[in-house]
């Protein structure tokens, strides 16, 4: 789906999203990614929802956003509270939704000049073993 977000100078708007990834500022990302409101878009070393660890959320907390929009993949799945502890301890809000909804919500909050981070999981396909 193509999105038409207003882009403030220096901000990271998501212009397209789909099951295979996102485009941010004209650059395609096909693996899990962290999109901060400003600065560099970062690869997020998460191959699947089940591979999440507290360290993945510590990484997000270090960016010091006011809110994290967590895109759990193609479907809505909630991370265990123990995984989210680094965000809770830093008093950073977190909202969980599927990755498509997370992209749309992120753009709305970005347009409001919020310090928001989208943490989006795009699961790598599993290869079958013969």
N, C-alpha and C. Protein backbone atom coordinates (compact mmCIF):
# COMPACT_ATOMS: atom_id res chain seq x y z
N UNK A 1 0.84 -1.17 0.00
CA UNK A 1 0.00 0.00 0.00
C UNK A 1 0.89 1.24 0.00
N UNK A 2 0.56 2.19 -0.85
CA UNK A 2 1.29 3.45 -0.87
C UNK A 2 0.66 4.40 0.13
N UNK A 3 1.52 5.12 0.82
CA UNK A 3 1.07 6.10 1.80
C UNK A 3 1.55 7.46 1.36
N UNK A 4 0.82 8.47 1.71
CA UNK A 4 1.22 9.83 1.36
C UNK A 4 1.31 10.65 2.63
N UNK A 5 2.41 10.48 3.34
CA UNK A 5 2.61 11.22 4.58
C UNK A 5 3.31 12.53 4.28
N UNK A 6 2.92 13.56 5.04
CA UNK A 6 3.66 14.81 4.94
C UNK A 6 5.00 14.58 5.58
N UNK A 7 6.03 14.99 4.91
CA UNK A 7 7.36 14.76 5.43
C UNK A 7 7.96 16.07 5.88
N UNK A 8 8.29 16.14 7.15
CA UNK A 8 8.98 17.29 7.70
C UNK A 8 10.46 17.09 7.43
N UNK A 9 11.16 18.15 7.12
CA UNK A 9 12.59 18.05 6.82
C UNK A 9 13.31 17.30 7.93
N UNK A 10 14.08 16.29 7.55
CA UNK A 10 14.86 15.50 8.51
C UNK A 10 14.10 14.36 9.15
N UNK A 11 12.81 14.19 8.83
CA UNK A 11 12.04 13.10 9.43
C UNK A 11 11.99 11.90 8.49
N UNK A 12 11.63 10.76 9.03
CA UNK A 12 11.60 9.51 8.28
C UNK A 12 10.16 9.05 8.04
N UNK A 13 9.58 9.42 6.92
CA UNK A 13 8.22 9.00 6.59
C UNK A 13 8.24 7.66 5.86
N UNK A 14 7.28 6.81 6.18
CA UNK A 14 7.11 5.53 5.48
C UNK A 14 6.20 5.80 4.29
N UNK A 15 6.73 5.59 3.08
CA UNK A 15 5.96 5.90 1.88
C UNK A 15 5.27 4.69 1.26
N UNK A 16 5.69 3.49 1.65
CA UNK A 16 5.07 2.27 1.13
C UNK A 16 5.29 1.17 2.15
N UNK A 17 4.28 0.30 2.28
CA UNK A 17 4.46 -0.89 3.11
C UNK A 17 3.71 -2.05 2.47
N UNK A 18 4.18 -3.23 2.77
CA UNK A 18 3.57 -4.45 2.28
C UNK A 18 4.13 -5.62 3.06
N UNK A 19 3.71 -6.82 2.73
CA UNK A 19 4.19 -8.00 3.47
C UNK A 19 5.68 -8.24 3.28
N UNK A 20 6.27 -7.64 2.25
CA UNK A 20 7.69 -7.87 1.95
C UNK A 20 8.60 -6.76 2.47
N UNK A 21 8.04 -5.72 3.12
CA UNK A 21 8.89 -4.67 3.67
C UNK A 21 8.28 -3.30 3.54
N UNK A 22 9.14 -2.28 3.70
CA UNK A 22 8.70 -0.88 3.66
C UNK A 22 9.67 -0.05 2.85
N UNK A 23 9.19 1.12 2.43
CA UNK A 23 10.05 2.12 1.83
C UNK A 23 10.02 3.34 2.75
N UNK A 24 11.20 3.79 3.13
CA UNK A 24 11.34 4.96 3.99
C UNK A 24 12.23 5.95 3.27
N UNK A 25 11.70 7.14 3.02
CA UNK A 25 12.46 8.18 2.32
C UNK A 25 13.01 7.66 0.99
N UNK A 26 12.23 6.82 0.29
CA UNK A 26 12.62 6.31 -1.01
C UNK A 26 13.56 5.11 -0.99
N UNK A 27 13.90 4.62 0.20
CA UNK A 27 14.81 3.48 0.32
C UNK A 27 14.00 2.26 0.77
N UNK A 28 14.13 1.16 0.03
CA UNK A 28 13.41 -0.08 0.35
C UNK A 28 14.13 -0.84 1.46
N UNK A 29 13.33 -1.39 2.37
CA UNK A 29 13.84 -2.24 3.46
C UNK A 29 13.01 -3.52 3.44
N UNK A 30 13.66 -4.66 3.26
CA UNK A 30 12.93 -5.93 3.14
C UNK A 30 13.14 -6.86 4.33
N UNK A 31 13.84 -6.38 5.34
CA UNK A 31 14.01 -7.15 6.57
C UNK A 31 13.51 -6.31 7.72
N UNK A 32 13.43 -6.90 8.90
CA UNK A 32 12.97 -6.16 10.07
C UNK A 32 13.78 -4.88 10.21
N UNK A 33 13.07 -3.80 10.60
CA UNK A 33 13.69 -2.48 10.57
C UNK A 33 13.15 -1.62 11.72
N UNK A 34 13.98 -0.68 12.15
CA UNK A 34 13.59 0.32 13.14
C UNK A 34 13.61 1.66 12.44
N UNK A 35 12.45 2.33 12.46
CA UNK A 35 12.31 3.63 11.80
C UNK A 35 12.10 4.69 12.88
N UNK A 36 13.17 5.43 13.24
CA UNK A 36 13.00 6.51 14.21
C UNK A 36 12.44 7.75 13.53
N UNK A 37 11.84 8.63 14.30
CA UNK A 37 11.25 9.84 13.75
C UNK A 37 12.28 10.70 13.02
N UNK A 38 13.52 10.61 13.40
CA UNK A 38 14.59 11.34 12.74
C UNK A 38 15.87 10.53 12.86
N UNK A 39 16.82 10.80 11.99
CA UNK A 39 18.08 10.06 12.04
C UNK A 39 18.07 8.87 11.10
N UNK A 40 19.01 8.00 11.32
CA UNK A 40 19.22 6.86 10.43
C UNK A 40 18.19 5.75 10.67
N UNK A 41 17.66 5.20 9.58
CA UNK A 41 16.80 4.01 9.64
C UNK A 41 17.73 2.83 9.86
N UNK A 42 17.37 1.97 10.81
CA UNK A 42 18.28 0.92 11.27
C UNK A 42 17.74 -0.48 11.00
N UNK A 43 18.61 -1.38 10.58
CA UNK A 43 18.22 -2.78 10.50
C UNK A 43 17.99 -3.28 11.92
N UNK A 44 16.98 -4.13 12.08
CA UNK A 44 16.66 -4.69 13.39
C UNK A 44 16.86 -6.19 13.29
N UNK A 45 17.80 -6.72 14.01
CA UNK A 45 18.20 -8.12 13.91
C UNK A 45 17.14 -9.05 14.53
N UNK A 46 15.96 -9.07 13.91
CA UNK A 46 14.86 -9.92 14.37
C UNK A 46 14.36 -10.70 13.15
N UNK A 47 14.68 -11.98 13.09
CA UNK A 47 14.27 -12.80 11.96
C UNK A 47 12.84 -13.29 12.07
N UNK A 48 12.32 -13.35 13.31
CA UNK A 48 10.95 -13.80 13.52
C UNK A 48 10.46 -13.29 14.87
N UNK A 49 9.16 -13.27 15.04
CA UNK A 49 8.56 -12.82 16.30
C UNK A 49 9.10 -13.65 17.46
N UNK A 50 9.26 -14.95 17.25
CA UNK A 50 9.68 -15.85 18.32
C UNK A 50 11.15 -15.68 18.70
N UNK A 51 11.91 -14.92 17.91
CA UNK A 51 13.32 -14.69 18.21
C UNK A 51 13.54 -13.45 19.07
N UNK A 52 12.48 -12.74 19.44
CA UNK A 52 12.61 -11.52 20.23
C UNK A 52 13.21 -11.79 21.60
N UNK A 53 14.08 -10.89 22.04
CA UNK A 53 14.69 -10.95 23.37
C UNK A 53 14.58 -9.57 24.01
N UNK A 54 14.82 -9.46 25.32
CA UNK A 54 14.83 -8.14 25.95
C UNK A 54 15.85 -7.20 25.30
N UNK A 55 16.94 -7.73 24.77
CA UNK A 55 17.96 -6.89 24.12
C UNK A 55 17.40 -6.14 22.92
N UNK A 56 16.45 -6.73 22.22
CA UNK A 56 15.83 -6.04 21.09
C UNK A 56 15.08 -4.79 21.55
N UNK A 57 14.46 -4.87 22.72
CA UNK A 57 13.73 -3.72 23.25
C UNK A 57 14.65 -2.75 23.98
N UNK A 58 15.78 -3.23 24.51
CA UNK A 58 16.80 -2.32 25.06
C UNK A 58 17.33 -1.42 23.94
N UNK A 59 17.52 -1.99 22.77
CA UNK A 59 17.98 -1.24 21.60
C UNK A 59 17.01 -0.09 21.30
N UNK A 60 15.71 -0.38 21.37
CA UNK A 60 14.70 0.65 21.11
C UNK A 60 14.69 1.71 22.20
N UNK A 61 14.82 1.30 23.45
CA UNK A 61 14.83 2.24 24.57
C UNK A 61 16.00 3.21 24.46
N UNK A 62 17.13 2.74 23.95
CA UNK A 62 18.32 3.58 23.82
C UNK A 62 18.10 4.74 22.85
N UNK A 63 17.11 4.62 21.96
CA UNK A 63 16.81 5.70 21.02
C UNK A 63 16.05 6.84 21.69
N UNK A 64 15.53 6.61 22.89
CA UNK A 64 14.82 7.59 23.71
C UNK A 64 13.60 8.24 23.03
N UNK A 65 12.73 7.41 22.46
CA UNK A 65 11.49 7.97 21.91
C UNK A 65 10.49 8.18 23.05
N UNK A 66 9.41 8.88 22.76
CA UNK A 66 8.32 8.95 23.74
C UNK A 66 7.38 7.75 23.56
N UNK A 67 7.41 7.15 22.36
CA UNK A 67 6.51 6.04 22.06
C UNK A 67 7.13 5.12 21.01
N UNK A 68 6.96 3.81 21.22
CA UNK A 68 7.37 2.80 20.24
C UNK A 68 6.11 2.16 19.68
N UNK A 69 6.02 2.15 18.36
CA UNK A 69 4.96 1.42 17.67
C UNK A 69 5.58 0.11 17.21
N UNK A 70 5.18 -0.98 17.85
CA UNK A 70 5.75 -2.30 17.58
C UNK A 70 4.88 -3.04 16.58
N UNK A 71 5.41 -3.25 15.38
CA UNK A 71 4.73 -4.02 14.34
C UNK A 71 5.16 -5.47 14.44
N UNK A 72 4.25 -6.33 14.89
CA UNK A 72 4.60 -7.71 15.22
C UNK A 72 4.63 -8.66 14.02
N UNK A 73 4.55 -8.13 12.82
CA UNK A 73 4.58 -8.97 11.62
C UNK A 73 3.26 -8.90 10.88
N UNK A 74 2.99 -9.92 10.10
CA UNK A 74 1.78 -9.94 9.26
C UNK A 74 0.50 -10.04 10.08
N UNK A 75 0.61 -10.52 11.32
CA UNK A 75 -0.58 -10.60 12.18
C UNK A 75 -0.24 -10.05 13.56
N UNK A 76 -1.25 -9.68 14.29
CA UNK A 76 -1.09 -9.11 15.61
C UNK A 76 -0.67 -10.18 16.61
N UNK A 77 0.46 -9.95 17.27
CA UNK A 77 0.94 -10.83 18.33
C UNK A 77 1.54 -9.95 19.41
N UNK A 78 1.30 -10.27 20.66
CA UNK A 78 1.79 -9.47 21.77
C UNK A 78 3.04 -10.08 22.37
N UNK A 79 4.07 -9.25 22.54
CA UNK A 79 5.30 -9.70 23.20
C UNK A 79 5.04 -9.88 24.68
N UNK A 80 5.72 -10.82 25.30
CA UNK A 80 5.59 -11.04 26.73
C UNK A 80 6.07 -9.80 27.48
N UNK A 81 5.42 -9.46 28.59
CA UNK A 81 5.83 -8.28 29.36
C UNK A 81 7.31 -8.27 29.75
N UNK A 82 7.89 -9.43 30.00
CA UNK A 82 9.32 -9.48 30.36
C UNK A 82 10.19 -8.94 29.23
N UNK A 83 9.77 -9.14 27.99
CA UNK A 83 10.53 -8.62 26.86
C UNK A 83 10.44 -7.09 26.79
N UNK A 84 9.30 -6.55 27.18
CA UNK A 84 9.06 -5.11 27.10
C UNK A 84 9.61 -4.33 28.29
N UNK A 85 10.13 -5.04 29.28
CA UNK A 85 10.61 -4.40 30.51
C UNK A 85 11.56 -3.22 30.26
N UNK A 86 12.52 -3.32 29.31
CA UNK A 86 13.41 -2.16 29.10
C UNK A 86 12.65 -0.89 28.72
N UNK A 87 11.57 -1.01 27.97
CA UNK A 87 10.76 0.15 27.60
C UNK A 87 9.96 0.65 28.81
N UNK A 88 9.39 -0.27 29.56
CA UNK A 88 8.60 0.11 30.73
C UNK A 88 9.47 0.81 31.77
N UNK A 89 10.66 0.28 32.01
CA UNK A 89 11.56 0.88 32.99
C UNK A 89 12.01 2.28 32.57
N UNK A 90 12.11 2.51 31.26
CA UNK A 90 12.49 3.83 30.74
C UNK A 90 11.28 4.75 30.59
N UNK A 91 10.09 4.26 30.98
CA UNK A 91 8.84 5.03 30.89
C UNK A 91 8.55 5.45 29.45
N UNK A 92 8.81 4.52 28.53
CA UNK A 92 8.53 4.73 27.11
C UNK A 92 7.28 3.92 26.77
N UNK A 93 6.29 4.59 26.19
CA UNK A 93 5.07 3.90 25.82
C UNK A 93 5.31 2.94 24.67
N UNK A 94 4.51 1.89 24.62
CA UNK A 94 4.61 0.93 23.52
C UNK A 94 3.20 0.51 23.12
N UNK A 95 2.95 0.51 21.82
CA UNK A 95 1.69 0.04 21.26
C UNK A 95 2.02 -1.07 20.28
N UNK A 96 1.28 -2.16 20.35
CA UNK A 96 1.51 -3.31 19.50
C UNK A 96 0.39 -3.43 18.48
N UNK A 97 0.77 -3.70 17.24
CA UNK A 97 -0.19 -3.92 16.17
C UNK A 97 0.50 -4.70 15.06
N UNK A 98 -0.24 -5.16 14.07
CA UNK A 98 0.44 -5.81 12.95
C UNK A 98 1.28 -4.75 12.23
N UNK A 99 2.25 -5.18 11.44
CA UNK A 99 3.20 -4.24 10.85
C UNK A 99 2.55 -3.24 9.89
N UNK A 100 1.52 -3.64 9.17
CA UNK A 100 0.84 -2.71 8.26
C UNK A 100 0.18 -1.58 9.05
N UNK A 101 -0.54 -1.92 10.11
CA UNK A 101 -1.18 -0.90 10.95
C UNK A 101 -0.13 -0.04 11.64
N UNK A 102 0.98 -0.65 12.01
CA UNK A 102 2.07 0.10 12.66
C UNK A 102 2.63 1.17 11.73
N UNK A 103 2.76 0.85 10.45
CA UNK A 103 3.27 1.83 9.48
C UNK A 103 2.33 3.02 9.37
N UNK A 104 1.04 2.76 9.28
CA UNK A 104 0.06 3.83 9.15
C UNK A 104 0.03 4.70 10.41
N UNK A 105 0.04 4.05 11.57
CA UNK A 105 0.00 4.78 12.83
C UNK A 105 1.26 5.61 13.03
N UNK A 106 2.41 5.04 12.69
CA UNK A 106 3.67 5.77 12.79
C UNK A 106 3.60 7.07 11.98
N UNK A 107 3.12 7.01 10.75
CA UNK A 107 3.05 8.20 9.91
C UNK A 107 2.12 9.27 10.50
N UNK A 108 1.02 8.86 11.10
CA UNK A 108 0.11 9.82 11.73
C UNK A 108 0.83 10.53 12.88
N UNK A 109 1.51 9.76 13.72
CA UNK A 109 2.22 10.35 14.86
C UNK A 109 3.39 11.21 14.39
N UNK A 110 4.06 10.80 13.33
CA UNK A 110 5.15 11.59 12.76
C UNK A 110 4.63 12.94 12.28
N UNK A 111 3.46 12.95 11.65
CA UNK A 111 2.86 14.19 11.17
C UNK A 111 2.50 15.12 12.32
N UNK A 112 2.32 14.56 13.52
CA UNK A 112 2.04 15.35 14.71
C UNK A 112 3.34 15.79 15.41
N UNK A 113 4.47 15.53 14.76
CA UNK A 113 5.80 15.89 15.31
C UNK A 113 6.11 15.17 16.62
N UNK A 114 5.67 13.93 16.72
CA UNK A 114 5.94 13.13 17.92
C UNK A 114 7.28 12.42 17.77
N UNK A 115 7.94 12.19 18.90
CA UNK A 115 9.19 11.42 18.93
C UNK A 115 8.80 9.94 18.99
N UNK A 116 8.58 9.36 17.83
CA UNK A 116 8.05 8.01 17.72
C UNK A 116 9.03 7.13 16.95
N UNK A 117 9.04 5.85 17.32
CA UNK A 117 9.85 4.85 16.62
C UNK A 117 8.93 3.73 16.18
N UNK A 118 9.06 3.31 14.92
CA UNK A 118 8.37 2.11 14.44
C UNK A 118 9.38 0.98 14.44
N UNK A 119 9.08 -0.07 15.16
CA UNK A 119 9.91 -1.29 15.18
C UNK A 119 9.11 -2.36 14.47
N UNK A 120 9.53 -2.69 13.25
CA UNK A 120 8.71 -3.51 12.35
C UNK A 120 9.37 -4.86 12.07
N UNK A 121 8.63 -5.91 12.31
CA UNK A 121 9.13 -7.26 12.00
C UNK A 121 8.63 -7.66 10.61
N UNK A 122 9.57 -8.04 9.77
CA UNK A 122 9.28 -8.69 8.49
C UNK A 122 10.03 -10.01 8.53
N UNK A 123 9.28 -11.07 8.77
CA UNK A 123 9.89 -12.37 9.00
C UNK A 123 10.54 -12.92 7.75
N UNK A 124 11.73 -13.47 7.95
CA UNK A 124 12.43 -14.10 6.84
C UNK A 124 11.79 -15.47 6.60
N UNK A 125 11.60 -15.82 5.34
CA UNK A 125 10.96 -17.11 5.05
C UNK A 125 11.80 -18.26 5.58
N UNK A 126 11.10 -19.24 6.10
CA UNK A 126 11.80 -20.45 6.59
C UNK A 126 12.14 -21.33 5.40
N UNK A 127 13.34 -21.86 5.42
CA UNK A 127 13.73 -22.77 4.35
C UNK A 127 13.49 -24.20 4.83
N UNK A 128 12.99 -25.02 3.95
CA UNK A 128 12.75 -26.41 4.32
C UNK A 128 14.03 -27.22 4.20
N UNK A 129 14.16 -28.17 5.08
CA UNK A 129 15.33 -29.05 5.08
C UNK A 129 14.95 -30.34 4.38
N UNK A 130 15.73 -30.72 3.40
CA UNK A 130 15.41 -31.95 2.65
C UNK A 130 15.98 -33.16 3.33
